[in-house]
C-alpha atoms as a PDB file:
ATOM      1  CA  MET A   1      21.277  43.460 -91.140  1.00  0.00           C
ATOM      2  CA  LEU A   2      19.526  44.565 -94.336  1.00  0.00           C
ATOM      3  CA  LYS A   3      18.455  47.815 -92.663  1.00  0.00           C
ATOM      4  CA  ASP A   4      22.120  48.630 -91.973  1.00  0.00           C
ATOM      5  CA  TYR A   5      22.918  48.081 -95.648  1.00  0.00           C
ATOM      6  CA  GLU A   6      20.049  50.360 -96.703  1.00  0.00           C
ATOM      7  CA  ILE A   7      21.522  53.155 -94.599  1.00  0.00           C
ATOM      8  CA  ASP A   8      25.184  52.570 -95.432  1.00  0.00           C
ATOM      9  CA  LYS A   9      25.008  51.806 -99.163  1.00  0.00           C
ATOM     10  CA  PRO A  10      28.129  52.906-100.974  1.00  0.00           C
ATOM     11  CA  ILE A  11      28.072  55.409-103.815  1.00  0.00           C
ATOM     12  CA  LEU A  12      29.771  54.032-106.900  1.00  0.00           C
ATOM     13  CA  GLU A  13      31.133  56.703-109.206  1.00  0.00           C
ATOM     14  CA  THR A  14      33.002  56.800-112.510  1.00  0.00           C
ATOM     15  CA  ASP A  15      33.647  59.638-114.939  1.00  0.00           C
ATOM     16  CA  ARG A  16      30.320  58.944-116.673  1.00  0.00           C
ATOM     17  CA  LEU A  17      28.115  57.254-114.091  1.00  0.00           C
ATOM     18  CA  ILE A  18      27.022  57.627-110.477  1.00  0.00           C
ATOM     19  CA  ILE A  19      25.140  54.796-108.762  1.00  0.00           C
ATOM     20  CA  ARG A  20      23.560  55.863-105.501  1.00  0.00           C
ATOM     21  CA  VAL A  21      20.433  55.445-103.425  1.00  0.00           C
ATOM     22  CA  LEU A  22      17.376  57.150-104.877  1.00  0.00           C
ATOM     23  CA  ASN A  23      15.911  60.078-102.978  1.00  0.00           C
ATOM     24  CA  GLU A  24      12.885  62.371-103.266  1.00  0.00           C
ATOM     25  CA  ASN A  25      14.771  64.680-105.629  1.00  0.00           C
ATOM     26  CA  ASP A  26      14.793  61.843-108.190  1.00  0.00           C
ATOM     27  CA  VAL A  27      10.987  61.578-108.386  1.00  0.00           C
ATOM     28  CA  PRO A  28      10.437  64.077-111.247  1.00  0.00           C
ATOM     29  CA  ASP A  29      12.967  62.267-113.447  1.00  0.00           C
ATOM     30  CA  LEU A  30      11.539  58.856-112.536  1.00  0.00           C
ATOM     31  CA  ARG A  31       8.028  60.045-113.406  1.00  0.00           C
ATOM     32  CA  GLU A  32       9.309  61.160-116.796  1.00  0.00           C
ATOM     33  CA  TRP A  33      10.967  57.921-117.870  1.00  0.00           C
ATOM     34  CA  LEU A  34       9.187  55.114-116.011  1.00  0.00           C
ATOM     35  CA  GLY A  35       5.949  55.729-117.890  1.00  0.00           C
ATOM     36  CA  ARG A  36       7.599  55.383-121.300  1.00  0.00           C
ATOM     37  CA  ASP A  37       7.160  51.974-122.954  1.00  0.00           C
ATOM     38  CA  GLU A  38      10.489  52.166-124.808  1.00  0.00           C
ATOM     39  CA  ILE A  39      12.328  52.063-121.466  1.00  0.00           C
ATOM     40  CA  TYR A  40      11.164  48.460-121.010  1.00  0.00           C
ATOM     41  CA  THR A  41      12.365  47.259-124.424  1.00  0.00           C
ATOM     42  CA  TYR A  42      15.600  45.861-123.016  1.00  0.00           C
ATOM     43  CA  TRP A  43      14.139  44.693-119.708  1.00  0.00           C
ATOM     44  CA  GLY A  44      12.315  41.878-121.503  1.00  0.00           C
ATOM     45  CA  ARG A  45       8.885  42.745-120.127  1.00  0.00           C
ATOM     46  CA  LYS A  46       6.267  45.473-120.103  1.00  0.00           C
ATOM     47  CA  ALA A  47       5.861  48.008-117.333  1.00  0.00           C
ATOM     48  CA  SER A  48       3.740  46.914-114.384  1.00  0.00           C
ATOM     49  CA  LYS A  49       0.790  48.970-113.155  1.00  0.00           C
ATOM     50  CA  ASN A  50       2.936  50.264-110.286  1.00  0.00           C
ATOM     51  CA  GLU A  51       5.794  51.212-112.594  1.00  0.00           C
ATOM     52  CA  LYS A  52       3.415  53.097-114.873  1.00  0.00           C
ATOM     53  CA  ASN A  53       2.041  54.966-111.850  1.00  0.00           C
ATOM     54  CA  LEU A  54       5.045  56.035-109.783  1.00  0.00           C
ATOM     55  CA  SER A  55       2.820  57.194-106.929  1.00  0.00           C
ATOM     56  CA  LEU A  56       1.744  53.574-106.365  1.00  0.00           C
ATOM     57  CA  CYS A  57       5.330  52.399-106.567  1.00  0.00           C
ATOM     58  CA  LEU A  58       6.515  54.878-103.948  1.00  0.00           C
ATOM     59  CA  LEU A  59       3.641  54.112-101.587  1.00  0.00           C
ATOM     60  CA  MET A  60       4.422  50.387-101.415  1.00  0.00           C
ATOM     61  CA  PRO A  61       6.290  49.416 -98.235  1.00  0.00           C
ATOM     62  CA  ALA A  62       9.854  48.177 -98.621  1.00  0.00           C
ATOM     63  CA  LEU A  63      10.322  44.445 -98.347  1.00  0.00           C
ATOM     64  CA  GLY A  64      12.567  43.125 -95.650  1.00  0.00           C
END
């Protein structure tokens, strides 16, 4: 059931925002901002080792 949702996730779009599934074209942007400490200011925690190193994050198998 979860696998079906992963494939058929909707794209939510407004004039100023698009929420969609990440893809490999997003990796350069993720590398740029995930390593920056100020990104985590409003998340209430510091970046994990995996978040600091996007390669580790992307290599981890999906849960489910």
